[in-house]
């Protein structure tokens, strides 16, 4: 089990542990029934307090991701990973819908919104501590007629999501 903690993250350490373990369970890299390290062993391995790992395991158990058997330890819960995954996908969809509504209220075009989501998704998957955005994600400006300014959003090195044309 790989867990990478960041002291510079806005998330508390226990939430970092919880979210990374959830992701590994949902992706299948931690299969059902697999024995997890003890709370103390995980705390020592990560260099954090036992209280921190206890909170992470408690949250994971409350959400149905792991099960603890007294005297035997904690294990990845069997079965309902697809249901848990679907629940999380619904939460993501709800958050994106709210963000889309707020963006529309501010006059953000669909192309700009889609690009922003792709940039944020890219940034959340990077391991670079500076979380830099590659040049192909940056906004580029060009003058087509010398009067109107156009913004082209390149959200993938191979694909243009959309060119958002706006006269300024």
Protein backbone atom coordinates (compact mmCIF):
# COMPACT_ATOMS: atom_id res chain seq x y z
CA UNK A 1 0.00 0.00 0.00
CA UNK A 2 1.48 3.32 -1.09
CA UNK A 3 0.52 6.45 0.80
CA UNK A 4 2.19 9.78 0.14
CA UNK A 5 1.61 12.51 2.71
CA UNK A 6 2.09 16.21 2.20
CA UNK A 7 2.55 18.63 5.08
CA UNK A 8 1.80 21.50 2.70
CA UNK A 9 -1.63 20.10 1.75
CA UNK A 10 -4.82 21.81 2.91
CA UNK A 11 -6.15 18.37 3.88
CA UNK A 12 -5.46 17.02 7.35
CA UNK A 13 -3.13 13.98 7.43
CA UNK A 14 -5.92 11.55 8.39
CA UNK A 15 -7.95 12.70 5.36
CA UNK A 16 -4.94 12.23 3.08
CA UNK A 17 -4.58 8.66 4.37
CA UNK A 18 -8.32 8.02 4.05
CA UNK A 19 -8.64 9.37 0.52
CA UNK A 20 -5.59 7.51 -0.77
CA UNK A 21 -6.75 4.24 0.78
CA UNK A 22 -10.24 4.72 -0.69
CA UNK A 23 -8.72 5.32 -4.12
CA UNK A 24 -6.59 2.17 -3.86
CA UNK A 25 -9.58 0.10 -2.73
CA UNK A 26 -11.83 1.42 -5.50
CA UNK A 27 -9.14 0.91 -8.15
CA UNK A 28 -8.56 -2.68 -7.02
CA UNK A 29 -4.93 -2.23 -5.98
CA UNK A 30 -6.10 -3.13 -2.46
CA UNK A 31 -8.35 -6.14 -3.15
CA UNK A 32 -11.22 -7.32 -0.96
CA UNK A 33 -10.08 -9.31 2.03
CA UNK A 34 -6.52 -8.01 2.00
CA UNK A 35 -5.06 -7.54 5.47
CA UNK A 36 -4.08 -3.97 6.20
CA UNK A 37 -1.16 -2.89 8.38
CA UNK A 38 -2.04 -2.41 12.02
CA UNK A 39 -2.81 1.12 13.16
CA UNK A 40 0.51 1.27 15.00
CA UNK A 41 2.52 -0.19 12.07
CA UNK A 42 0.95 2.28 9.63
CA UNK A 43 1.62 5.18 12.01
CA UNK A 44 5.27 4.14 12.37
CA UNK A 45 5.65 3.62 8.62
CA UNK A 46 4.24 7.04 7.80
CA UNK A 47 5.85 8.83 10.73
CA UNK A 48 2.55 10.07 12.12
CA UNK A 49 0.65 9.70 15.37
CA UNK A 50 -1.28 6.52 16.15
CA UNK A 51 -4.28 8.78 16.78
CA UNK A 52 -4.08 9.97 13.17
CA UNK A 53 -4.11 6.47 11.69
CA UNK A 54 -6.84 5.40 14.15
CA UNK A 55 -9.02 8.26 12.87
CA UNK A 56 -8.35 7.27 9.23
CA UNK A 57 -9.21 3.60 9.88
CA UNK A 58 -12.30 4.62 11.87
CA UNK A 59 -13.55 6.80 8.99
CA UNK A 60 -12.84 4.05 6.44
CA UNK A 61 -14.73 1.53 8.56
CA UNK A 62 -17.69 3.89 9.04
CA UNK A 63 -17.94 4.30 5.26
CA UNK A 64 -17.75 0.55 4.63
CA UNK A 65 -14.32 0.44 2.99
CA UNK A 66 -12.65 -1.69 5.67
CA UNK A 67 -13.70 -4.09 8.40
CA UNK A 68 -11.91 -4.67 11.69
CA UNK A 69 -11.93 -8.04 13.40
CA UNK A 70 -10.87 -7.80 17.03
CA UNK A 71 -7.66 -9.73 17.63
CA UNK A 72 -7.03 -10.24 13.89
CA UNK A 73 -6.74 -6.73 12.47
CA UNK A 74 -8.27 -4.67 9.70
CA UNK A 75 -9.12 -5.93 6.23
CA UNK A 76 -10.43 -4.44 3.01
CA UNK A 77 -14.20 -4.96 3.18
CA UNK A 78 -15.65 -7.49 0.80
CA UNK A 79 -18.22 -6.86 -1.81
CA UNK A 80 -19.78 -3.47 -2.21
CA UNK A 81 -16.92 -1.56 -3.87
CA UNK A 82 -18.99 -0.91 -6.97
CA UNK A 83 -21.75 0.59 -4.84
CA UNK A 84 -19.21 2.77 -2.99
CA UNK A 85 -17.67 3.84 -6.30
CA UNK A 86 -21.10 4.76 -7.70
CA UNK A 87 -21.86 6.81 -4.57
CA UNK A 88 -18.61 8.73 -4.96
CA UNK A 89 -19.25 9.30 -8.68
CA UNK A 90 -22.67 10.77 -7.84
CA UNK A 91 -21.01 13.12 -5.34
CA UNK A 92 -18.52 14.22 -8.01
CA UNK A 93 -21.35 14.78 -10.49
CA UNK A 94 -23.24 16.91 -7.96
CA UNK A 95 -20.16 19.02 -7.25
CA UNK A 96 -19.49 19.49 -10.98
CA UNK A 97 -23.12 20.48 -11.55
CA UNK A 98 -22.88 23.10 -8.79
CA UNK A 99 -19.60 24.40 -10.22
CA UNK A 100 -21.12 24.52 -13.71
CA UNK A 101 -24.11 26.51 -12.46
CA UNK A 102 -21.85 29.00 -10.69
CA UNK A 103 -19.60 29.30 -13.75
CA UNK A 104 -22.63 29.95 -15.98
CA UNK A 105 -23.85 32.65 -13.56
CA UNK A 106 -20.45 34.33 -13.97
CA UNK A 107 -20.64 34.11 -17.75
CA UNK A 108 -17.94 31.45 -18.10
CA UNK A 109 -18.34 29.64 -21.40
CA UNK A 110 -18.73 25.88 -21.56
CA UNK A 111 -15.36 25.60 -23.33
CA UNK A 112 -13.60 27.52 -20.57
CA UNK A 113 -15.36 25.48 -17.90
CA UNK A 114 -14.41 22.17 -19.57
CA UNK A 115 -10.84 23.33 -19.89
CA UNK A 116 -10.71 24.40 -16.26
CA UNK A 117 -11.96 20.97 -15.17
CA UNK A 118 -9.30 19.26 -17.29
CA UNK A 119 -6.56 21.52 -15.91
CA UNK A 120 -7.68 20.89 -12.33
CA UNK A 121 -7.89 17.16 -12.97
CA UNK A 122 -4.38 17.21 -14.40
CA UNK A 123 -3.06 19.21 -11.46
CA UNK A 124 -4.65 16.83 -8.92
CA UNK A 125 -2.92 13.85 -10.54
CA UNK A 126 0.56 15.38 -10.61
CA UNK A 127 3.24 14.34 -8.17
CA UNK A 128 5.26 17.50 -8.78
CA UNK A 129 5.31 19.44 -5.49
CA UNK A 130 5.06 22.72 -7.39
CA UNK A 131 1.98 21.47 -9.29
CA UNK A 132 2.95 23.35 -12.43
CA UNK A 133 0.68 23.40 -15.45
CA UNK A 134 2.29 22.31 -18.71
CA UNK A 135 2.43 24.87 -21.49
CA UNK A 136 -0.21 23.09 -23.59
CA UNK A 137 -2.78 23.88 -20.88
CA UNK A 138 -2.12 27.58 -20.77
CA UNK A 139 -4.33 30.15 -22.32
CA UNK A 140 -2.99 31.51 -25.57
CA UNK A 141 -4.07 34.68 -27.29
CA UNK A 142 -4.01 35.53 -30.95
CA UNK A 143 -5.35 38.40 -32.99
CA UNK A 144 -7.29 37.23 -36.03
CA UNK A 145 -8.44 40.57 -37.40
CA UNK A 146 -6.32 42.87 -35.36
CA UNK A 147 -9.44 44.02 -33.51
CA UNK A 148 -11.03 40.98 -31.92
CA UNK A 149 -9.02 38.96 -29.51
CA UNK A 150 -9.62 35.20 -29.40
CA UNK A 151 -8.79 32.76 -26.66
CA UNK A 152 -7.86 29.25 -27.68
CA UNK A 153 -7.95 26.65 -24.96
CA UNK A 154 -5.80 23.64 -25.57
CA UNK A 155 -6.76 21.12 -22.93
CA UNK A 156 -4.89 18.13 -24.26
CA UNK A 157 -1.64 18.04 -26.21
CA UNK A 158 -3.40 16.21 -29.07
CA UNK A 159 -6.96 17.55 -28.92
CA UNK A 160 -8.50 21.00 -28.90
CA UNK A 161 -11.51 20.80 -26.61
CA UNK A 162 -12.98 23.93 -28.15
CA UNK A 163 -11.92 27.34 -29.36
CA UNK A 164 -13.76 29.93 -27.33
CA UNK A 165 -14.16 33.00 -29.47
CA UNK A 166 -14.89 36.19 -27.62
CA UNK A 167 -14.68 39.75 -28.79
CA UNK A 168 -13.21 41.97 -26.10
